[in-house]
């Protein structure tokens, strides 16, 4: 079975899963598929309850909870402020507590490299999909460049399944974005300014504003940033 076919088989099994244990199985299977140390999915539902699955050791999970590391974890803090995937090297590890946390995490086998994808769902849901490994910077850069798109798609597959398991979830009224709206949202998600987006698409900023407002309306978003987040969460754009 080819690499792509193997991944698709795992995701197909995830799509048809009927219980949370399937998420755990999928993280283990996909970790092995990508040949990395760890894969983790963690989310908070609309009631504020936390769930998670992944391949970190029980010892590290227990230590993390015991020390309430969620308060100082640069990955959690950094991703909560972002809407797009981030390499851990781009996060703020400058504080004394953050550096001590990083050293301890590596001692527990988390890995010195990481790549996290923040996901925002309905009713205030926030989730993180993370892969981590122990290797040099160049090796990790090659891995993330080669697999970035697939990892983003997988992250949203996990989140969709997790939301399916959430009780009393109201179904979303999804409305398709036009190709131009997708282009505009994608470039904005990549960090382009409105002027840069308009130039890239060879349209005026006024026309761009029409596309953005139309996308915002379809997504039920409060503003442009929210619209970008919603488009990513629903898998309508991939960055």
Protein backbone atom coordinates (compact mmCIF):
# COMPACT_ATOMS: atom_id res chain seq x y z
CA UNK A 1 0.00 0.00 0.00
CA UNK A 2 1.42 3.42 -0.98
CA UNK A 3 2.04 6.21 1.53
CA UNK A 4 -0.84 8.36 0.31
CA UNK A 5 -3.22 5.39 0.18
CA UNK A 6 -2.25 4.37 3.71
CA UNK A 7 -2.99 7.86 5.03
CA UNK A 8 -6.32 7.97 3.22
CA UNK A 9 -7.26 4.59 4.70
CA UNK A 10 -6.56 5.85 8.23
CA UNK A 11 -8.61 9.01 7.64
CA UNK A 12 -11.45 6.97 6.14
CA UNK A 13 -11.54 4.88 9.31
CA UNK A 14 -11.57 8.08 11.37
CA UNK A 15 -14.48 9.49 9.36
CA UNK A 16 -16.60 6.44 10.15
CA UNK A 17 -15.55 6.21 13.80
CA UNK A 18 -18.33 5.92 16.36
CA UNK A 19 -16.39 6.53 19.58
CA UNK A 20 -13.58 8.67 21.00
CA UNK A 21 -11.15 5.75 21.16
CA UNK A 22 -10.93 5.95 17.39
CA UNK A 23 -9.25 9.35 17.66
CA UNK A 24 -6.53 7.85 19.83
CA UNK A 25 -6.02 4.99 17.39
CA UNK A 26 -5.77 7.45 14.51
CA UNK A 27 -3.10 9.55 16.23
CA UNK A 28 -0.97 6.46 16.78
CA UNK A 29 -1.45 5.20 13.22
CA UNK A 30 -0.72 8.59 11.65
CA UNK A 31 2.32 9.15 13.89
CA UNK A 32 3.75 5.89 12.58
CA UNK A 33 2.75 6.77 9.03
CA UNK A 34 4.67 10.06 9.14
CA UNK A 35 7.60 8.52 11.04
CA UNK A 36 7.63 11.12 13.82
CA UNK A 37 7.85 10.89 17.60
CA UNK A 38 4.46 12.33 18.52
CA UNK A 39 1.07 13.45 17.29
CA UNK A 40 -1.43 15.08 19.64
CA UNK A 41 -4.95 16.46 19.34
CA UNK A 42 -6.41 18.50 22.21
CA UNK A 43 -9.62 20.46 22.29
CA UNK A 44 -12.01 22.36 24.53
CA UNK A 45 -15.70 21.98 23.83
CA UNK A 46 -18.43 24.61 24.11
CA UNK A 47 -18.96 23.78 27.82
CA UNK A 48 -15.28 24.32 28.61
CA UNK A 49 -14.56 20.62 29.05
CA UNK A 50 -11.17 19.44 27.80
CA UNK A 51 -10.51 16.30 25.81
CA UNK A 52 -7.40 14.94 24.24
CA UNK A 53 -5.69 12.11 22.49
CA UNK A 54 -2.13 11.60 21.45
CA UNK A 55 1.13 9.80 21.89
CA UNK A 56 2.88 11.70 24.69
CA UNK A 57 3.77 9.50 27.64
CA UNK A 58 1.35 9.14 30.54
CA UNK A 59 4.10 10.48 32.79
CA UNK A 60 4.35 13.73 30.81
CA UNK A 61 0.58 14.12 30.58
CA UNK A 62 0.23 13.68 34.34
CA UNK A 63 3.13 16.04 35.02
CA UNK A 64 1.64 18.67 32.69
CA UNK A 65 -1.73 18.54 34.46
CA UNK A 66 -0.20 18.38 37.94
CA UNK A 67 1.92 21.50 37.32
CA UNK A 68 -0.90 23.30 35.47
CA UNK A 69 1.54 23.95 32.63
CA UNK A 70 -1.26 25.14 30.38
CA UNK A 71 -0.72 28.55 32.05
CA UNK A 72 2.87 28.92 30.77
CA UNK A 73 3.06 26.61 27.76
CA UNK A 74 4.30 28.85 24.88
CA UNK A 75 2.59 26.55 22.38
CA UNK A 76 -0.85 27.05 23.97
CA UNK A 77 -0.30 30.78 24.52
CA UNK A 78 1.16 31.37 21.07
CA UNK A 79 -1.42 29.36 19.18
CA UNK A 80 -4.33 30.98 20.99
CA UNK A 81 -3.12 34.29 19.55
CA UNK A 82 -2.84 32.90 16.01
CA UNK A 83 -5.10 31.58 13.29
CA UNK A 84 -2.48 29.83 11.19
CA UNK A 85 -0.04 26.95 11.76
CA UNK A 86 3.21 27.73 13.50
CA UNK A 87 6.59 26.10 13.96
CA UNK A 88 7.54 26.04 17.63
CA UNK A 89 10.78 27.91 16.89
CA UNK A 90 8.68 30.97 16.02
CA UNK A 91 7.04 31.05 19.46
CA UNK A 92 8.29 33.00 22.47
CA UNK A 93 10.55 30.81 24.61
CA UNK A 94 12.48 33.74 26.08
CA UNK A 95 11.03 33.67 29.61
CA UNK A 96 12.71 31.72 32.40
CA UNK A 97 9.58 29.63 33.06
CA UNK A 98 9.15 28.87 29.35
CA UNK A 99 12.76 27.72 28.99
CA UNK A 100 12.49 25.49 32.07
CA UNK A 101 9.24 24.05 30.70
CA UNK A 102 10.90 23.33 27.35
CA UNK A 103 13.85 21.54 28.97
CA UNK A 104 11.52 19.38 31.04
CA UNK A 105 9.29 18.56 28.05
CA UNK A 106 12.33 17.38 26.07
CA UNK A 107 13.44 15.26 29.04
CA UNK A 108 10.02 13.59 28.94
CA UNK A 109 10.48 12.80 25.25
CA UNK A 110 8.29 15.47 23.69
CA UNK A 111 10.95 16.40 21.12
CA UNK A 112 12.89 19.55 20.41
CA UNK A 113 10.90 20.33 17.24
CA UNK A 114 7.19 20.94 16.89
CA UNK A 115 4.50 22.19 14.52
CA UNK A 116 1.05 23.14 15.81
CA UNK A 117 -2.19 23.98 14.03
CA UNK A 118 -4.74 26.08 15.98
CA UNK A 119 -8.38 25.36 15.17
CA UNK A 120 -11.43 27.37 16.13
CA UNK A 121 -14.84 25.80 15.94
CA UNK A 122 -18.41 26.81 16.79
CA UNK A 123 -19.46 28.20 20.17
CA UNK A 124 -15.97 29.16 21.29
CA UNK A 125 -14.33 25.79 20.72
CA UNK A 126 -10.52 25.94 20.54
CA UNK A 127 -8.37 22.99 19.54
CA UNK A 128 -4.73 22.25 18.76
CA UNK A 129 -3.29 19.63 16.46
CA UNK A 130 0.44 19.09 17.02
CA UNK A 131 3.26 16.99 15.66
CA UNK A 132 6.66 16.88 17.35
CA UNK A 133 9.97 15.14 16.82
CA UNK A 134 13.61 15.10 17.88
CA UNK A 135 15.87 16.17 15.01
CA UNK A 136 17.91 19.10 13.68
CA UNK A 137 16.37 22.25 12.24
CA UNK A 138 17.07 21.40 8.59
CA UNK A 139 15.49 17.94 8.84
CA UNK A 140 12.40 19.41 10.49
CA UNK A 141 12.11 22.17 7.90
CA UNK A 142 12.12 19.58 5.12
CA UNK A 143 9.44 17.55 6.93
CA UNK A 144 7.10 20.48 7.60
CA UNK A 145 7.50 21.89 4.09
CA UNK A 146 6.66 18.51 2.58
CA UNK A 147 3.72 17.70 4.87
CA UNK A 148 2.23 21.07 5.87
CA UNK A 149 -0.81 20.84 3.62
CA UNK A 150 -1.60 17.25 4.60
CA UNK A 151 -1.23 18.02 8.32
CA UNK A 152 -3.65 20.94 8.08
CA UNK A 153 -6.23 18.78 6.35
CA UNK A 154 -5.76 16.02 8.91
CA UNK A 155 -6.11 18.51 11.77
CA UNK A 156 -9.50 19.58 10.47
CA UNK A 157 -10.58 15.98 9.96
CA UNK A 158 -9.83 15.34 13.64
CA UNK A 159 -11.69 18.44 14.70
CA UNK A 160 -14.75 17.62 12.62
CA UNK A 161 -14.92 14.16 14.14
CA UNK A 162 -14.44 15.56 17.64
CA UNK A 163 -17.34 17.96 17.07
CA UNK A 164 -19.48 15.07 15.86
CA UNK A 165 -18.99 13.50 19.29
CA UNK A 166 -20.01 16.68 21.10
CA UNK A 167 -23.55 16.30 22.42
CA UNK A 168 -26.33 18.70 21.50
CA UNK A 169 -24.26 20.39 18.83
CA UNK A 170 -26.38 22.48 16.51
CA UNK A 171 -25.61 21.75 12.85
CA UNK A 172 -23.85 24.55 11.01
CA UNK A 173 -25.41 26.10 7.96
CA UNK A 174 -22.47 25.87 5.59
CA UNK A 175 -22.47 28.04 2.50
CA UNK A 176 -19.89 27.59 -0.21
CA UNK A 177 -17.42 30.37 -0.93
CA UNK A 178 -16.78 31.42 -4.51
CA UNK A 179 -13.31 30.74 -5.99
CA UNK A 180 -12.39 34.43 -5.64
CA UNK A 181 -13.58 34.49 -2.03
CA UNK A 182 -11.45 31.41 -1.33
CA UNK A 183 -8.43 33.13 -2.92
CA UNK A 184 -8.95 36.26 -0.83
CA UNK A 185 -9.44 34.40 2.45
CA UNK A 186 -6.43 32.18 1.77
CA UNK A 187 -4.07 35.12 1.14
CA UNK A 188 -5.36 36.95 4.21
CA UNK A 189 -4.78 33.79 6.28
CA UNK A 190 -1.20 33.71 4.97
CA UNK A 191 -0.62 37.18 6.44
CA UNK A 192 -0.97 39.32 3.30
CA UNK A 193 -2.25 42.88 3.76
CA UNK A 194 -5.37 43.91 1.87
CA UNK A 195 -3.23 45.89 -0.56
CA UNK A 196 -1.04 42.85 -1.20
CA UNK A 197 -4.08 40.60 -1.69
CA UNK A 198 -5.61 43.04 -4.18
CA UNK A 199 -2.32 43.28 -6.09
CA UNK A 200 -1.85 39.50 -6.13
CA UNK A 201 -5.38 38.94 -7.45
CA UNK A 202 -5.13 41.89 -9.87
CA UNK A 203 -8.26 43.54 -8.49
CA UNK A 204 -9.00 46.84 -6.77
CA UNK A 205 -9.16 47.09 -3.00
CA UNK A 206 -12.84 48.05 -3.39
CA UNK A 207 -13.54 44.78 -5.24
CA UNK A 208 -11.55 42.88 -2.64
CA UNK A 209 -13.69 44.43 0.10
CA UNK A 210 -16.80 43.12 -1.68
CA UNK A 211 -15.34 39.60 -1.73
CA UNK A 212 -14.36 39.78 1.93
CA UNK A 213 -17.74 41.08 3.05
CA UNK A 214 -19.52 38.40 1.03
CA UNK A 215 -17.36 35.67 2.59
CA UNK A 216 -17.90 37.15 6.05
CA UNK A 217 -21.67 37.07 5.57
CA UNK A 218 -21.67 33.46 4.32
CA UNK A 219 -19.53 32.36 7.26
CA UNK A 220 -21.56 34.26 9.86
CA UNK A 221 -18.37 35.97 11.01
CA UNK A 222 -18.11 39.08 13.17
CA UNK A 223 -15.11 40.51 11.32
CA UNK A 224 -12.44 39.60 8.78
CA UNK A 225 -10.20 37.80 11.29
CA UNK A 226 -13.15 35.72 12.46
CA UNK A 227 -14.06 34.97 8.84
CA UNK A 228 -10.56 33.67 8.11
CA UNK A 229 -10.70 31.48 11.23
CA UNK A 230 -14.12 30.11 10.30
CA UNK A 231 -13.01 29.36 6.74
CA UNK A 232 -10.00 27.44 8.03
CA UNK A 233 -12.02 25.59 10.67
CA UNK A 234 -14.53 24.42 8.08
CA UNK A 235 -11.79 23.37 5.70
CA UNK A 236 -12.88 25.88 3.07
CA UNK A 237 -9.34 27.20 2.78
CA UNK A 238 -6.00 25.52 3.34
CA UNK A 239 -2.89 27.51 4.24
